[in-house]
Each structure stands twice: as structure tokens, then as C-alpha cells.
Amino acid sequence: DYDAAFPPVALEFMKAIASVQAVLFVTPEYNRSIPGGLKNAIDWASRPYGKNSFARKPTAVIGTSPGAIATAVAQQSLRSVLSFCNAPQMNSPEAYIQFTPGLITDDGEVTVESTETFLRNYMDEFHMFIARVLQVLPPDA
């Protein structure tokens, strides 16, 4: 493993992850897994051993794909990685969004009311999950 003299961009990423209370992962699915770039970023931020930026940090996973099962398999792959990183995960509700053209505009507007409602509820649940985790696992403990 490469645990010394991290490139500046990796150090910046590690600091960014360490500075936030929680991380929401939004991922596509490539070949039934997460994109290589995402896995690489997680690997950088979880090193060196003992200085894992994701440890005890609340996380949630969501994604979209045109396939019928959306990103179900990629999300399970990501959850496995996050478990190893000791990152508490919101397991319910799960969010597998089947992408259709025009579902989300370039400005971020969700054009299907039921999807917008679901996403708002998902984020409300994530907010409550973060509060619960931080109460039990305070970042400075």
C-alpha cells in the first residue's frame, strides 16, 4: 500500500471528507459495481491505516441507472467497502432510482413528483440518521 507522501489532491480530498459530518454517496452502476474512480477515491481517503477519513462518519448510498434494478448491485458493493471503512450506513430506506431521460433537469429539478417526494423523504431520513449516529458516536470522541 502507498501510505506516504500522498499527492496534494489526495490530501485535499481526505481533509474534505474529514471536515464534514456525513457523506452521501450518489453512484452509477458500471459492470455491476461502483465506478473505479469512486473506489479509488475511497481508498485514498481511508489511508493510511489508522487515519481513515470515513471511520464513524454517517453515510448513505443512492444511485440511478437506466436498468430495471437501477444501482442495486453497485450499492451493495459500495456498502461492503463502507463496512470495511467502519462508516455507519443508513440501511433504510434504500434508494434505487431508475433513470429516464428528463427525470432530473440540468438545474437539478426533479420532474416526476413521486420521485421528488421520495428523494425529499430520503434526505429527511438521512438527516435524522446523521443526528442519531453523531449522538452515539461524536466525531471528537
Protein backbone atom coordinates (compact mmCIF):
# COMPACT_ATOMS: atom_id res chain seq x y z
CA ASP A 1 0.00 0.00 0.00
CA TYR A 2 1.05 3.56 -0.71
CA ASP A 3 0.85 5.26 2.69
CA ALA A 4 3.38 8.08 2.47
CA ALA A 5 3.81 11.32 0.55
CA PHE A 6 0.23 11.46 -0.68
CA PRO A 7 -0.37 13.64 -3.75
CA PRO A 8 -1.79 17.09 -2.87
CA VAL A 9 -5.16 16.27 -4.44
CA ALA A 10 -5.48 13.16 -2.26
CA LEU A 11 -4.63 15.16 0.86
CA GLU A 12 -7.25 17.77 -0.06
CA PHE A 13 -9.85 15.06 -0.57
CA MET A 14 -9.01 13.40 2.74
CA LYS A 15 -9.32 16.74 4.54
CA ALA A 16 -12.63 17.47 2.82
CA ILE A 17 -14.09 14.14 3.94
CA ALA A 18 -12.74 14.60 7.46
CA SER A 19 -14.30 18.09 7.69
CA VAL A 20 -17.92 17.06 7.03
CA GLN A 21 -20.40 15.42 9.40
CA ALA A 22 -21.65 12.85 6.89
CA VAL A 23 -21.24 11.62 3.33
CA LEU A 24 -23.99 10.92 0.80
CA PHE A 25 -22.70 8.66 -1.97
CA VAL A 26 -24.51 9.04 -5.30
CA THR A 27 -23.26 6.41 -7.71
CA PRO A 28 -23.99 4.97 -11.12
CA GLU A 29 -23.53 1.26 -11.73
CA TYR A 30 -20.77 0.07 -14.04
CA ASN A 31 -20.50 -3.65 -14.76
CA ARG A 32 -22.48 -4.50 -11.61
CA SER A 33 -20.21 -2.44 -9.35
CA ILE A 34 -19.17 1.07 -8.44
CA PRO A 35 -17.01 3.12 -10.82
CA GLY A 36 -13.29 2.59 -10.44
CA GLY A 37 -12.77 6.29 -9.75
CA LEU A 38 -15.11 6.16 -6.77
CA LYS A 39 -13.37 3.10 -5.33
CA ASN A 40 -10.00 4.79 -5.84
CA ALA A 41 -11.19 7.94 -4.04
CA ILE A 42 -12.46 5.88 -1.10
CA ASP A 43 -9.15 4.01 -0.98
CA TRP A 44 -7.18 7.27 -0.82
CA ALA A 45 -9.39 8.74 1.91
CA SER A 46 -9.22 5.58 4.02
CA ARG A 47 -5.41 5.54 4.19
CA PRO A 48 -3.02 5.34 5.89
CA TYR A 49 -4.17 2.62 8.23
CA GLY A 50 -5.50 4.20 11.41
CA LYS A 51 -6.33 7.52 9.74
CA ASN A 52 -9.44 6.51 7.84
CA SER A 53 -11.48 9.62 6.97
CA PHE A 54 -14.69 7.56 6.83
CA ALA A 55 -14.42 5.92 10.27
CA ARG A 56 -17.54 6.63 12.36
CA LYS A 57 -18.84 9.01 9.69
CA PRO A 58 -22.55 8.57 8.85
CA THR A 59 -23.10 7.56 5.23
CA ALA A 60 -25.94 6.89 2.84
CA VAL A 61 -25.95 5.44 -0.66
CA ILE A 62 -28.18 6.30 -3.58
CA GLY A 63 -27.85 5.96 -7.33
CA THR A 64 -29.53 5.88 -10.66
CA SER A 65 -29.17 3.75 -13.75
CA PRO A 66 -31.35 3.04 -16.78
CA GLY A 67 -31.56 -0.65 -15.87
CA ALA A 68 -34.63 -2.15 -14.21
CA ILE A 69 -32.77 -2.78 -10.94
CA ALA A 70 -31.10 0.62 -11.12
CA THR A 71 -27.95 0.59 -8.97
CA ALA A 72 -28.88 -2.20 -6.55
CA VAL A 73 -25.75 -4.27 -7.17
CA ALA A 74 -23.38 -1.28 -7.16
CA GLN A 75 -24.87 -0.09 -3.90
CA GLN A 76 -24.29 -3.46 -2.27
CA SER A 77 -20.69 -3.37 -3.48
CA LEU A 78 -20.25 0.12 -2.06
CA ARG A 79 -21.84 -0.90 1.25
CA SER A 80 -19.27 -3.68 1.57
CA VAL A 81 -16.44 -1.18 1.12
CA LEU A 82 -18.01 1.26 3.59
CA SER A 83 -18.40 -1.51 6.15
CA PHE A 84 -14.68 -2.16 5.98
CA CYS A 85 -14.12 1.59 6.42
CA ASN A 86 -16.18 1.48 9.65
CA ALA A 87 -18.65 4.01 8.23
CA PRO A 88 -22.15 3.73 9.76
CA GLN A 89 -24.66 3.31 6.93
CA MET A 90 -28.29 4.27 6.64
CA ASN A 91 -29.78 0.96 5.55
CA SER A 92 -33.38 2.07 5.21
CA PRO A 93 -34.90 3.48 3.18
CA GLU A 94 -32.99 2.17 0.21
CA ALA A 95 -32.96 4.31 -2.93
CA TYR A 96 -32.70 2.70 -6.34
CA ILE A 97 -33.76 5.25 -8.93
CA GLN A 98 -34.37 4.04 -12.48
CA PHE A 99 -33.10 6.82 -14.70
CA THR A 100 -35.25 8.08 -17.54
CA PRO A 101 -34.34 10.98 -19.83
CA GLY A 102 -35.54 14.26 -18.34
CA LEU A 103 -36.02 12.85 -14.82
CA ILE A 104 -33.65 15.48 -13.45
CA THR A 105 -33.02 18.73 -15.31
CA ASP A 106 -29.63 20.38 -15.73
CA ASP A 107 -30.68 22.71 -12.90
CA GLY A 108 -31.31 19.77 -10.55
CA GLU A 109 -35.11 19.89 -10.72
CA VAL A 110 -36.79 16.50 -10.37
CA THR A 111 -39.58 16.39 -12.95
CA VAL A 112 -41.56 13.43 -11.59
CA GLU A 113 -43.48 14.41 -8.47
CA SER A 114 -43.43 10.95 -6.88
CA THR A 115 -39.65 10.74 -7.35
CA GLU A 116 -39.18 14.22 -5.91
CA THR A 117 -41.29 13.30 -2.87
CA PHE A 118 -39.33 10.08 -2.40
CA LEU A 119 -36.00 11.91 -2.60
CA ARG A 120 -37.13 14.58 -0.13
CA ASN A 121 -38.23 11.88 2.30
CA TYR A 122 -34.95 10.04 1.76
CA MET A 123 -32.97 13.15 2.64
CA ASP A 124 -35.15 13.77 5.71
CA GLU A 125 -34.40 10.22 6.87
CA PHE A 126 -30.69 10.75 6.21
CA HIS A 127 -30.72 13.94 8.26
CA MET A 128 -32.31 12.06 11.19
CA PHE A 129 -29.83 9.20 10.77
CA ILE A 130 -26.91 11.62 10.94
CA ALA A 131 -28.25 13.10 14.17
CA ARG A 132 -28.67 9.64 15.72
CA VAL A 133 -25.18 8.49 14.74
CA LEU A 134 -23.48 11.67 15.92
CA GLN A 135 -25.27 11.42 19.25
CA VAL A 136 -23.86 7.92 19.80
CA LEU A 137 -20.52 8.38 18.01
CA PRO A 138 -19.48 12.02 18.45
CA PRO A 139 -16.73 12.97 15.97
CA ASP A 140 -14.31 14.15 18.65
CA ALA A 141 -14.67 11.14 20.95
